[in-house]
Amino acid sequence: MFKQQKLGALVASAALAAILASPASQAAQGTTAVDITFPPLIILYYYPNIDITVDADDLEAVLISGNAALAACAAGASLTVSELECEAAEDPKALSTGTVTGTTISYDADIDSDTAVGSAVDSTVSFTLTDSWAVRALASGLTASVAAGGGDFSNESITPTSPTPQLAPLTSGVNVGDLSFDVDVATLGGLTASDTLTVTVVSP
């Protein structure tokens, strides 16, 4: 009787082992597709503040550049109108014989009588800030624009308007741009022109 029970136990153990081992001989395989979508990556480089001090000689050269007479003037013995406009502070005009009235001697400086005096002189100074902003990006169809903050600047523009999307090192003329604007010094209430310019780079 004891032998039969032992034999039954061995048979049950063998059957249980066969059941547990069966999945290894019937393995299943599946494939899962994994898609990762990244958002467009745009990195904009810029200066939050730019302070420019214009040299007095540079400003003079800019303001007379639109007037040929002023741009070409030079001090001379003839003291023509163009020379007077440019050199009056440095070379006083040699006045002719004066008119005596009582204790007053009057000389005619003869500036008002010449129509060339007060001819057009440029008052607008144009600025171009080279390589003042840059982009690195993983995006297509990039477009750039500039907006002013309503201050003293006009004719704001940037280049390039369509920077090349890339994460490679910055290259001038490819993903590095200029910022340009004009300042009308005749309209300034003080000695400082200020504005806020916003460069925006977007992708579709």
Protein backbone atom coordinates (compact mmCIF):
# COMPACT_ATOMS: atom_id res chain seq x y z
CA MET A 1 0.00 0.00 0.00
CA PHE A 2 2.84 2.38 0.85
CA LYS A 3 4.58 1.65 -2.45
CA GLN A 4 1.50 2.56 -4.47
CA GLN A 5 1.18 5.93 -2.75
CA LYS A 6 4.85 6.69 -3.38
CA LEU A 7 4.51 5.75 -7.05
CA GLY A 8 1.39 7.98 -7.39
CA ALA A 9 3.30 10.91 -5.92
CA LEU A 10 6.14 10.47 -8.40
CA VAL A 11 3.70 10.41 -11.31
CA ALA A 12 1.99 13.60 -10.08
CA SER A 13 5.34 15.37 -9.68
CA ALA A 14 6.37 14.44 -13.21
CA ALA A 15 3.09 15.74 -14.62
CA LEU A 16 3.42 19.04 -12.72
CA ALA A 17 6.95 19.53 -14.02
CA ALA A 18 5.77 18.95 -17.57
CA ILE A 19 3.01 21.54 -17.19
CA LEU A 20 5.38 24.22 -15.76
CA ALA A 21 7.99 23.60 -18.44
CA SER A 22 5.57 23.72 -21.37
CA PRO A 23 5.52 27.54 -21.95
CA ALA A 24 9.26 27.54 -22.71
CA SER A 25 8.62 25.32 -25.67
CA GLN A 26 5.74 27.59 -26.89
CA ALA A 27 7.30 31.16 -26.69
CA ALA A 28 5.45 34.16 -28.27
CA GLN A 29 7.02 37.22 -29.94
CA GLY A 30 5.58 40.67 -30.67
CA THR A 31 6.75 44.01 -32.16
CA THR A 32 5.94 47.40 -30.64
CA ALA A 33 6.31 50.60 -32.66
CA VAL A 34 7.73 53.53 -30.66
CA ASP A 35 7.37 57.05 -32.08
CA ILE A 36 8.92 60.08 -30.33
CA THR A 37 7.89 63.55 -31.50
CA PHE A 38 10.09 66.47 -30.51
CA PRO A 39 8.83 70.07 -30.56
CA PRO A 40 10.67 72.57 -32.82
CA LEU A 41 13.81 73.74 -31.02
CA ILE A 42 14.79 77.38 -31.46
CA ILE A 43 17.62 79.05 -29.54
CA LEU A 44 17.86 82.82 -29.96
CA TYR A 45 21.01 84.71 -29.01
CA TYR A 46 20.76 88.46 -28.39
CA TYR A 47 21.95 91.33 -26.18
CA PRO A 48 19.32 92.58 -23.72
CA ASN A 49 20.94 96.04 -23.69
CA ILE A 50 23.00 97.90 -26.28
CA ASP A 51 24.50 101.31 -25.49
CA ILE A 52 26.02 103.32 -28.35
CA THR A 53 27.98 106.55 -27.96
CA VAL A 54 28.43 108.46 -31.22
CA ASP A 55 31.69 110.35 -31.67
CA ALA A 56 31.25 114.07 -32.44
CA ASP A 57 33.35 113.86 -35.61
CA ASP A 58 31.36 110.85 -36.82
CA LEU A 59 28.08 112.68 -36.23
CA GLU A 60 29.29 115.73 -38.17
CA ALA A 61 30.34 113.54 -41.08
CA VAL A 62 26.95 111.82 -41.16
CA LEU A 63 24.91 115.00 -40.98
CA ILE A 64 26.70 116.73 -43.87
CA SER A 65 26.96 113.64 -46.08
CA GLY A 66 23.77 114.57 -47.95
CA ASN A 67 24.97 118.05 -48.85
CA ALA A 68 27.74 118.10 -51.46
CA ALA A 69 28.73 121.67 -50.64
CA LEU A 70 29.12 120.91 -46.97
CA ALA A 71 30.79 117.56 -47.48
CA ALA A 72 33.38 119.06 -49.80
CA CYS A 73 33.91 122.34 -47.97
CA ALA A 74 37.28 123.43 -46.71
CA ALA A 75 38.61 126.58 -45.15
CA GLY A 76 39.86 128.99 -47.79
CA ALA A 77 40.63 132.60 -48.48
CA SER A 78 37.49 133.09 -50.58
CA LEU A 79 35.20 132.19 -47.70
CA THR A 80 32.32 131.11 -49.91
CA VAL A 81 28.92 130.21 -48.50
CA SER A 82 29.75 126.50 -48.36
CA GLU A 83 32.96 127.30 -46.50
CA LEU A 84 31.06 129.50 -44.07
CA GLU A 85 28.49 126.82 -43.30
CA CYS A 86 31.20 124.29 -42.52
CA GLU A 87 34.03 126.43 -41.15
CA ALA A 88 32.36 129.43 -39.52
CA ALA A 89 33.34 128.33 -36.03
CA GLU A 90 36.97 127.92 -37.04
CA ASP A 91 37.53 130.69 -39.62
CA PRO A 92 35.68 133.98 -39.01
CA LYS A 93 34.78 135.85 -42.16
CA ALA A 94 36.98 138.79 -43.04
CA LEU A 95 34.39 141.54 -43.12
CA SER A 96 34.45 144.46 -45.53
CA THR A 97 34.64 148.10 -44.50
CA GLY A 98 31.99 148.93 -41.94
CA THR A 99 29.41 151.67 -41.75
CA VAL A 100 29.78 154.18 -38.96
CA THR A 101 26.65 155.48 -37.26
CA GLY A 102 27.34 157.51 -34.17
CA THR A 103 29.47 155.32 -31.93
CA THR A 104 28.45 152.08 -33.72
CA ILE A 105 30.33 150.47 -36.57
CA SER A 106 28.22 147.95 -38.58
CA TYR A 107 29.56 145.25 -40.88
CA ASP A 108 27.55 143.24 -43.38
CA ALA A 109 28.42 139.56 -42.90
CA ASP A 110 26.30 138.71 -45.98
CA ILE A 111 25.09 135.27 -44.91
CA ASP A 112 21.33 135.93 -44.97
CA SER A 113 21.41 137.18 -48.54
CA ASP A 114 22.67 133.89 -49.98
CA THR A 115 19.97 131.31 -50.71
CA ALA A 116 22.47 128.46 -50.35
CA VAL A 117 22.66 129.06 -46.61
CA GLY A 118 20.36 126.71 -44.76
CA SER A 119 20.21 124.24 -47.62
CA ALA A 120 19.12 120.72 -46.79
CA VAL A 121 21.29 118.93 -44.27
CA ASP A 122 20.58 115.34 -43.29
CA SER A 123 19.13 114.90 -39.82
CA THR A 124 18.63 111.14 -39.96
CA VAL A 125 21.39 108.88 -38.73
CA SER A 126 21.25 105.24 -39.82
CA PHE A 127 22.59 102.45 -37.64
CA THR A 128 23.42 98.86 -38.53
CA LEU A 129 24.34 96.53 -35.69
CA THR A 130 26.23 93.72 -37.41
CA ASP A 131 25.84 90.18 -36.04
CA SER A 132 23.63 91.43 -33.22
CA TRP A 133 21.41 88.33 -33.05
CA ALA A 134 21.74 84.67 -33.95
CA VAL A 135 19.72 81.46 -34.11
CA ARG A 136 20.35 77.78 -33.61
CA ALA A 137 17.39 75.60 -34.37
CA LEU A 138 15.96 72.22 -35.27
CA ALA A 139 13.01 73.47 -37.25
CA SER A 140 12.02 74.13 -40.84
CA GLY A 141 10.66 77.22 -42.52
CA LEU A 142 12.10 79.69 -40.01
CA THR A 143 11.06 83.31 -40.47
CA ALA A 144 12.31 86.33 -38.52
CA SER A 145 10.81 89.75 -37.93
CA VAL A 146 11.50 92.86 -35.87
CA ALA A 147 9.06 95.09 -34.00
CA ALA A 148 9.73 98.47 -32.39
CA GLY A 149 8.56 99.54 -28.98
CA GLY A 150 7.31 102.95 -30.10
CA GLY A 151 10.39 105.00 -29.20
CA ASP A 152 12.77 107.10 -31.29
CA PHE A 153 13.74 104.58 -33.99
CA SER A 154 12.27 104.17 -37.46
CA ASN A 155 12.76 101.92 -40.51
CA GLU A 156 13.62 98.93 -38.36
CA SER A 157 14.82 95.87 -40.27
CA ILE A 158 16.80 92.68 -39.78
CA THR A 159 18.83 90.27 -41.88
CA PRO A 160 18.50 87.45 -42.55
CA THR A 161 14.72 87.30 -42.53
CA SER A 162 14.83 83.52 -43.11
CA PRO A 163 17.70 82.08 -41.05
CA THR A 164 18.92 78.58 -41.83
CA PRO A 165 17.82 76.02 -39.22
CA GLN A 166 20.87 74.29 -37.81
CA LEU A 167 22.54 73.39 -34.54
CA ALA A 168 26.00 73.68 -36.03
CA PRO A 169 28.38 76.45 -34.89
CA LEU A 170 27.06 79.93 -35.65
CA THR A 171 28.16 81.21 -39.05
CA SER A 172 27.95 84.87 -40.02
CA GLY A 173 25.46 85.39 -42.85
CA VAL A 174 23.75 82.03 -42.34
CA ASN A 175 22.11 82.02 -38.93
CA VAL A 176 23.60 85.28 -37.65
CA GLY A 177 21.75 88.48 -38.47
CA ASP A 178 22.06 92.27 -38.44
CA LEU A 179 19.72 94.80 -36.88
CA SER A 180 19.22 98.17 -38.62
CA PHE A 181 17.28 101.31 -37.76
CA ASP A 182 17.24 105.10 -38.26
CA VAL A 183 17.22 107.92 -35.74
CA ASP A 184 16.02 111.42 -36.66
CA VAL A 185 18.18 113.59 -34.43
CA ALA A 186 16.14 116.68 -35.34
CA THR A 187 13.13 115.32 -33.44
CA LEU A 188 14.96 114.39 -30.25
CA GLY A 189 13.98 116.28 -27.15
CA GLY A 190 17.23 115.41 -25.42
CA LEU A 191 20.60 113.95 -26.22
CA THR A 192 19.51 110.32 -26.07
CA ALA A 193 17.49 108.29 -28.55
CA SER A 194 15.99 105.12 -27.11
CA ASP A 195 13.68 102.36 -28.20
CA THR A 196 12.97 98.69 -27.67
CA LEU A 197 13.39 96.36 -30.63
CA THR A 198 12.04 92.82 -30.49
CA VAL A 199 13.46 90.16 -32.81
CA THR A 200 11.09 87.21 -33.23
CA VAL A 201 11.99 83.91 -34.90
CA VAL A 202 9.19 81.41 -35.55
CA SER A 203 8.68 78.15 -37.37
CA PRO A 204 5.43 76.86 -38.93
